Structures are given as structure tokens and as C-alpha cells.
N, C-alpha and C. Protein backbone atom coordinates (compact mmCIF):
# COMPACT_ATOMS: atom_id res chain seq x y z
N MET A 1 14.89 -6.19 -5.79
CA MET A 1 15.06 -4.76 -5.59
C MET A 1 13.87 -4.01 -6.18
N ALA A 2 13.47 -2.97 -5.50
CA ALA A 2 12.36 -2.15 -5.96
C ALA A 2 12.86 -1.11 -6.95
N ASP A 3 11.97 -0.65 -7.81
CA ASP A 3 12.32 0.41 -8.75
C ASP A 3 12.41 1.76 -8.07
N TYR A 4 11.54 1.98 -7.10
CA TYR A 4 11.48 3.25 -6.38
C TYR A 4 11.44 2.98 -4.89
N TYR A 5 12.00 3.91 -4.14
CA TYR A 5 11.97 3.81 -2.68
C TYR A 5 11.39 5.08 -2.08
N ILE A 6 10.67 4.92 -1.00
CA ILE A 6 10.16 6.04 -0.23
C ILE A 6 10.97 6.09 1.05
N ASN A 7 11.57 7.24 1.35
CA ASN A 7 12.35 7.40 2.57
C ASN A 7 11.45 7.97 3.66
N ILE A 8 11.39 7.28 4.78
CA ILE A 8 10.64 7.76 5.94
C ILE A 8 11.66 8.10 7.01
N PHE A 9 11.84 9.40 7.26
CA PHE A 9 12.82 9.84 8.24
C PHE A 9 12.23 9.71 9.63
N LEU A 10 13.06 9.27 10.56
CA LEU A 10 12.61 8.92 11.90
C LEU A 10 13.09 9.92 12.94
N ASP A 11 12.21 10.25 13.87
CA ASP A 11 12.63 11.00 15.05
C ASP A 11 12.93 9.98 16.14
N GLU A 12 13.31 10.42 17.31
CA GLU A 12 13.70 9.51 18.39
C GLU A 12 12.56 8.57 18.79
N GLU A 13 11.34 9.09 18.84
CA GLU A 13 10.19 8.29 19.25
C GLU A 13 9.93 7.16 18.25
N LYS A 14 9.94 7.48 16.96
CA LYS A 14 9.70 6.46 15.94
C LYS A 14 10.82 5.44 15.90
N LEU A 15 12.05 5.89 16.12
CA LEU A 15 13.19 4.99 16.14
C LEU A 15 13.07 4.00 17.30
N LYS A 16 12.65 4.47 18.46
CA LYS A 16 12.47 3.58 19.62
C LYS A 16 11.35 2.57 19.36
N ARG A 17 10.28 2.99 18.67
CA ARG A 17 9.19 2.07 18.35
C ARG A 17 9.68 0.94 17.44
N LEU A 18 10.47 1.30 16.42
CA LEU A 18 11.00 0.29 15.51
C LEU A 18 11.93 -0.67 16.24
N GLU A 19 12.75 -0.15 17.12
CA GLU A 19 13.64 -1.01 17.90
C GLU A 19 12.83 -1.92 18.80
N GLY A 20 11.73 -1.42 19.34
CA GLY A 20 10.88 -2.20 20.22
C GLY A 20 10.22 -3.39 19.55
N VAL A 21 9.92 -3.27 18.27
CA VAL A 21 9.28 -4.37 17.55
C VAL A 21 10.29 -5.21 16.75
N GLY A 22 11.57 -4.92 16.94
CA GLY A 22 12.60 -5.73 16.31
C GLY A 22 12.93 -5.38 14.88
N LEU A 23 12.67 -4.16 14.46
CA LEU A 23 12.96 -3.74 13.09
C LEU A 23 14.15 -2.77 13.00
N ALA A 24 15.00 -2.79 14.01
CA ALA A 24 16.14 -1.87 14.02
C ALA A 24 17.11 -2.15 12.87
N ASN A 25 17.11 -3.39 12.36
CA ASN A 25 18.01 -3.71 11.25
C ASN A 25 17.57 -3.07 9.93
N ARG A 26 16.37 -2.56 9.86
CA ARG A 26 15.86 -1.89 8.65
C ARG A 26 16.23 -0.40 8.60
N VAL A 27 16.70 0.15 9.71
CA VAL A 27 17.02 1.58 9.79
C VAL A 27 18.33 1.83 9.08
N GLN A 28 18.35 2.87 8.23
CA GLN A 28 19.55 3.25 7.49
C GLN A 28 19.89 4.70 7.77
N ASP A 29 21.14 5.05 7.50
CA ASP A 29 21.58 6.43 7.65
C ASP A 29 21.58 7.07 6.27
N ILE A 30 20.68 8.01 6.05
CA ILE A 30 20.56 8.69 4.75
C ILE A 30 20.79 10.18 4.99
N ALA A 31 21.83 10.70 4.39
CA ALA A 31 22.19 12.13 4.52
C ALA A 31 22.31 12.55 5.98
N GLY A 32 22.86 11.66 6.80
CA GLY A 32 23.07 11.99 8.20
C GLY A 32 21.86 11.86 9.08
N ARG A 33 20.76 11.36 8.55
CA ARG A 33 19.53 11.19 9.32
C ARG A 33 19.13 9.73 9.29
N LYS A 34 18.48 9.28 10.35
CA LYS A 34 17.99 7.91 10.41
C LYS A 34 16.69 7.81 9.60
N ALA A 35 16.59 6.75 8.78
CA ALA A 35 15.42 6.59 7.92
C ALA A 35 15.17 5.11 7.64
N VAL A 36 13.96 4.83 7.21
CA VAL A 36 13.57 3.51 6.73
C VAL A 36 13.18 3.68 5.28
N GLN A 37 13.65 2.77 4.42
CA GLN A 37 13.28 2.83 3.02
C GLN A 37 12.20 1.79 2.73
N VAL A 38 11.14 2.22 2.08
CA VAL A 38 10.03 1.36 1.71
C VAL A 38 9.95 1.35 0.20
N GLY A 39 9.87 0.16 -0.42
CA GLY A 39 9.85 0.09 -1.87
C GLY A 39 8.62 -0.57 -2.42
N ASP A 40 8.22 -0.15 -3.60
CA ASP A 40 7.12 -0.74 -4.37
C ASP A 40 5.78 -0.75 -3.66
N VAL A 41 5.57 0.09 -2.69
CA VAL A 41 4.29 0.12 -1.98
C VAL A 41 3.19 0.64 -2.90
N ILE A 42 3.47 1.71 -3.61
CA ILE A 42 2.45 2.35 -4.45
C ILE A 42 2.06 1.46 -5.61
N SER A 43 3.02 0.88 -6.31
CA SER A 43 2.67 0.05 -7.46
C SER A 43 1.93 -1.20 -7.03
N ASN A 44 2.30 -1.80 -5.90
CA ASN A 44 1.56 -2.97 -5.41
C ASN A 44 0.15 -2.61 -5.01
N ALA A 45 -0.02 -1.46 -4.35
CA ALA A 45 -1.36 -1.04 -3.93
C ALA A 45 -2.25 -0.79 -5.14
N LYS A 46 -1.71 -0.16 -6.18
CA LYS A 46 -2.51 0.08 -7.39
C LYS A 46 -2.88 -1.23 -8.06
N THR A 47 -1.96 -2.17 -8.11
CA THR A 47 -2.23 -3.46 -8.73
C THR A 47 -3.35 -4.18 -7.98
N LEU A 48 -3.29 -4.17 -6.66
CA LEU A 48 -4.34 -4.83 -5.88
C LEU A 48 -5.68 -4.15 -6.06
N GLU A 49 -5.70 -2.83 -6.15
CA GLU A 49 -6.95 -2.10 -6.34
C GLU A 49 -7.57 -2.43 -7.69
N VAL A 50 -6.76 -2.52 -8.74
CA VAL A 50 -7.25 -2.87 -10.07
C VAL A 50 -7.83 -4.28 -10.06
N MET A 51 -7.14 -5.21 -9.40
CA MET A 51 -7.63 -6.58 -9.32
C MET A 51 -8.95 -6.64 -8.55
N LYS A 52 -9.06 -5.88 -7.49
CA LYS A 52 -10.29 -5.87 -6.69
C LYS A 52 -11.47 -5.38 -7.53
N VAL A 53 -11.28 -4.29 -8.27
CA VAL A 53 -12.35 -3.75 -9.11
C VAL A 53 -12.74 -4.75 -10.19
N ALA A 54 -11.76 -5.41 -10.80
CA ALA A 54 -12.06 -6.39 -11.85
C ALA A 54 -12.87 -7.56 -11.29
N ILE A 55 -12.50 -8.03 -10.12
CA ILE A 55 -13.23 -9.14 -9.50
C ILE A 55 -14.66 -8.73 -9.16
N MET A 56 -14.82 -7.51 -8.64
CA MET A 56 -16.16 -7.03 -8.31
C MET A 56 -17.03 -6.94 -9.57
N LYS A 57 -16.46 -6.51 -10.68
CA LYS A 57 -17.22 -6.41 -11.93
C LYS A 57 -17.58 -7.80 -12.45
N LEU A 58 -16.67 -8.75 -12.33
CA LEU A 58 -16.94 -10.10 -12.82
C LEU A 58 -18.05 -10.78 -12.04
N TYR A 59 -18.03 -10.64 -10.72
CA TYR A 59 -18.98 -11.36 -9.89
C TYR A 59 -20.29 -10.61 -9.68
N ASN A 60 -20.34 -9.33 -9.98
CA ASN A 60 -21.56 -8.56 -9.79
C ASN A 60 -21.67 -7.52 -10.92
N PRO A 61 -21.87 -7.97 -12.15
CA PRO A 61 -21.82 -7.05 -13.30
C PRO A 61 -22.95 -6.03 -13.36
N LEU A 62 -24.06 -6.28 -12.67
CA LEU A 62 -25.20 -5.36 -12.73
C LEU A 62 -25.26 -4.43 -11.52
N ALA A 63 -24.25 -4.42 -10.71
CA ALA A 63 -24.25 -3.55 -9.53
C ALA A 63 -24.33 -2.10 -9.93
N GLY A 64 -25.22 -1.38 -9.28
CA GLY A 64 -25.36 0.05 -9.56
C GLY A 64 -26.27 0.39 -10.72
N LYS A 65 -26.79 -0.61 -11.40
CA LYS A 65 -27.68 -0.36 -12.54
C LYS A 65 -29.12 -0.52 -12.08
N ALA A 66 -30.01 0.20 -12.74
CA ALA A 66 -31.44 0.14 -12.41
C ALA A 66 -32.01 -1.23 -12.76
N LEU A 67 -32.95 -1.69 -11.93
CA LEU A 67 -33.59 -2.97 -12.21
C LEU A 67 -34.52 -2.84 -13.42
N ARG A 68 -34.54 -3.87 -14.21
CA ARG A 68 -35.41 -3.87 -15.39
C ARG A 68 -36.73 -4.54 -15.00
N SER A 69 -37.80 -4.00 -15.54
CA SER A 69 -39.10 -4.62 -15.25
C SER A 69 -39.54 -5.44 -16.47
N LYS A 70 -40.24 -6.52 -16.20
CA LYS A 70 -40.70 -7.40 -17.27
C LYS A 70 -41.92 -6.79 -17.94
N MET A 71 -41.89 -6.71 -19.24
CA MET A 71 -43.01 -6.14 -19.97
C MET A 71 -43.98 -7.26 -20.35
N ALA A 72 -45.29 -6.99 -20.27
CA ALA A 72 -46.31 -8.00 -20.55
C ALA A 72 -46.54 -8.21 -22.00
């Protein structure tokens, strides 16, 4: 179970699209309106972004820094 959910309310067009791709079982009735609940999207996206930045720093630590010249 997710800690937080995002409710995406559906109009007729979006509902038909979901049914067309076989996701009609994910549609719920929330406050009398059809909706899809999505959980943990934001926290997972932030986690992946942090990991990506860490990997970039590890493999290319001098990126963005000026080149040093050898002194005689």
C-alpha cells in the first residue's frame, strides 16, 4: 500500500481509453465520480532522480569544472 494517493478523475473519453487498453479494473468510484488512484509516484520519481545525480557525480566528478593547465 502507498502512503499517499493521487486521484485522477476521468471524463467519458479518458474512461473509454482506459477500457480500451484493459485497465477498467483500476477505475474506482470516488465521491460519485469515476477516478483512478495512483500511489507513490512522486516519492519514487524523487528517489530515482537522486540516484541518477549521484551516479553522474561518481562517474564524471569533474563535469562542469574548468580544465586545469599544467604549469612548467
